[in-house]
Amino acid sequence: MKTRTIKQSVKFKTTPHEVYSALMDSRKHSKFSGGKAVIVKKKGAKFTAYDGYIEGTILDLIPDQKIVQSWRGSDWPDGHFSEATFLLKETNDGTLLEFTQTGVPDQFYEDISQGWYDFYWEPMKKMLGKK
């Protein structure tokens, strides 16, 4: 299967802790996404998001700095997972999130790439701007 890599950089006008928390707290993740998320902040833990459409495992965690997940959509080929890495860096005016997702099946690349903006970054910016 042909796969591709997504690389995106996004700025948030809040702390790395707040961005990390939005991604890793089930309640906050569910709030910005509008779909149920079940996430445990523990290496090796399974997670789901968007009412089960997304599933995976937490591969690595450094609180407020780094999240690495195996990640797949429920309509992806059976057993295929990508690897999603979220790096959080404090800046003078907030947080820079550097995102890389490797192993995205070619046929899902455009939808997943745009989906990060539509279903993650923009809703997170709205939620985090309204503390």
Protein backbone atom coordinates (compact mmCIF):
# COMPACT_ATOMS: atom_id res chain seq x y z
CA MET A 1 0.00 0.00 0.00
CA LYS A 2 1.29 3.45 -0.88
CA THR A 3 1.43 5.84 2.09
CA ARG A 4 2.24 9.51 2.56
CA THR A 5 3.38 11.84 5.34
CA ILE A 6 1.49 14.88 6.63
CA LYS A 7 3.50 17.74 8.17
CA GLN A 8 1.75 20.76 9.65
CA SER A 9 2.71 23.64 11.97
CA VAL A 10 0.01 25.43 13.94
CA LYS A 11 0.21 28.35 16.38
CA PHE A 12 -2.01 28.59 19.45
CA LYS A 13 -2.29 31.66 21.66
CA THR A 14 -2.09 29.66 24.86
CA THR A 15 0.39 27.55 26.83
CA PRO A 16 1.76 24.15 25.78
CA HIS A 17 -0.03 22.73 28.83
CA GLU A 18 -3.42 23.89 27.53
CA VAL A 19 -2.79 22.44 24.05
CA TYR A 20 -1.55 19.15 25.52
CA SER A 21 -4.57 19.01 27.80
CA ALA A 22 -7.00 19.61 24.92
CA LEU A 23 -5.51 16.67 23.05
CA MET A 24 -5.07 14.29 26.00
CA ASP A 25 -8.07 14.97 28.27
CA SER A 26 -11.17 12.98 27.24
CA ARG A 27 -13.60 15.71 28.33
CA LYS A 28 -11.74 18.57 26.63
CA HIS A 29 -11.10 16.54 23.47
CA SER A 30 -14.80 15.66 23.29
CA LYS A 31 -15.72 19.32 23.82
CA PHE A 32 -13.72 20.75 20.91
CA SER A 33 -14.41 17.81 18.59
CA GLY A 34 -18.11 17.35 19.26
CA GLY A 35 -17.56 13.57 19.31
CA LYS A 36 -16.87 11.27 22.23
CA ALA A 37 -13.19 10.70 23.06
CA VAL A 38 -11.79 8.15 25.51
CA ILE A 39 -8.15 8.91 26.29
CA VAL A 40 -5.91 7.81 29.16
CA LYS A 41 -2.65 9.75 29.64
CA LYS A 42 -0.50 6.64 29.84
CA LYS A 43 2.06 5.10 27.50
CA GLY A 44 0.61 1.91 26.04
CA ALA A 45 -3.02 2.95 26.62
CA LYS A 46 -5.57 2.56 23.83
CA PHE A 47 -7.64 5.60 22.84
CA THR A 48 -10.62 6.46 20.65
CA ALA A 49 -11.91 9.79 19.35
CA TYR A 50 -14.74 11.12 17.21
CA ASP A 51 -17.22 8.53 18.48
CA GLY A 52 -14.82 5.69 17.67
CA TYR A 53 -13.90 6.74 14.11
CA ILE A 54 -10.30 7.26 15.29
CA GLU A 55 -8.49 4.62 17.33
CA GLY A 56 -4.95 3.94 18.38
CA THR A 57 -2.40 3.54 21.14
CA ILE A 58 -0.30 6.07 23.05
CA LEU A 59 3.30 5.25 22.08
CA ASP A 60 5.12 8.04 23.92
CA LEU A 61 4.21 10.96 26.19
CA ILE A 62 6.17 13.85 27.62
CA PRO A 63 3.62 16.06 29.41
CA ASP A 64 3.20 19.47 27.76
CA GLN A 65 5.88 18.64 25.16
CA LYS A 66 5.27 15.53 23.08
CA ILE A 67 2.57 13.02 22.14
CA VAL A 68 3.18 10.05 19.85
CA GLN A 69 0.27 7.81 18.85
CA SER A 70 -0.42 4.91 16.56
CA TRP A 71 -3.49 6.26 14.76
CA ARG A 72 -6.07 4.98 12.28
CA GLY A 73 -9.46 5.78 10.88
CA SER A 74 -12.08 3.04 11.13
CA ASP A 75 -12.45 2.97 7.32
CA TRP A 76 -8.70 2.36 6.75
CA PRO A 77 -7.40 -1.01 5.57
CA ASP A 78 -7.65 -3.61 8.34
CA GLY A 79 -4.77 -3.51 10.79
CA HIS A 80 -3.06 -0.47 9.23
CA PHE A 81 -1.97 2.29 11.63
CA SER A 82 -0.15 5.55 10.95
CA GLU A 83 2.07 7.27 13.51
CA ALA A 84 1.05 10.76 14.66
CA THR A 85 3.55 12.96 16.51
CA PHE A 86 2.60 16.22 18.21
CA LEU A 87 5.54 18.38 19.36
CA LEU A 88 4.67 21.40 21.52
CA LYS A 89 7.07 24.31 21.78
CA GLU A 90 6.52 27.41 23.91
CA THR A 91 6.88 30.68 21.97
CA ASN A 92 6.75 34.34 22.98
CA ASP A 93 3.06 34.54 22.09
CA GLY A 94 1.84 31.02 22.86
CA THR A 95 2.57 27.54 21.51
CA LEU A 96 3.85 26.15 18.24
CA LEU A 97 2.52 22.68 17.52
CA GLU A 98 4.60 20.78 14.99
CA PHE A 99 2.61 17.82 13.73
CA THR A 100 3.83 14.86 11.65
CA GLN A 101 1.76 11.86 10.64
CA THR A 102 3.57 9.08 8.77
CA GLY A 103 2.02 6.06 7.06
CA VAL A 104 -1.24 7.70 5.92
CA PRO A 105 -2.76 5.56 3.14
CA ASP A 106 -2.55 7.49 -0.12
CA GLN A 107 -6.31 7.32 -0.77
CA PHE A 108 -7.02 9.04 2.59
CA TYR A 109 -4.20 11.61 2.46
CA GLU A 110 -6.18 14.65 1.24
CA ASP A 111 -9.14 14.11 3.60
CA ILE A 112 -6.96 13.42 6.65
CA SER A 113 -4.62 16.32 5.90
CA GLN A 114 -7.52 18.79 5.60
CA GLY A 115 -9.31 17.09 8.49
CA TRP A 116 -6.58 18.06 10.95
CA TYR A 117 -7.33 21.73 10.21
CA ASP A 118 -11.12 21.38 10.07
CA PHE A 119 -11.66 19.00 12.98
CA TYR A 120 -8.66 19.65 15.26
CA TRP A 121 -6.70 22.86 14.86
CA GLU A 122 -9.55 25.32 14.19
CA PRO A 123 -11.96 23.93 16.82
CA MET A 124 -9.09 23.77 19.35
CA LYS A 125 -8.21 27.42 18.65
CA LYS A 126 -11.84 28.40 19.26
CA MET A 127 -12.08 26.42 22.51
CA LEU A 128 -8.69 27.50 23.85
CA GLY A 129 -9.42 31.14 23.07
CA LYS A 130 -12.44 30.97 25.39
CA LYS A 131 -10.84 29.91 28.64
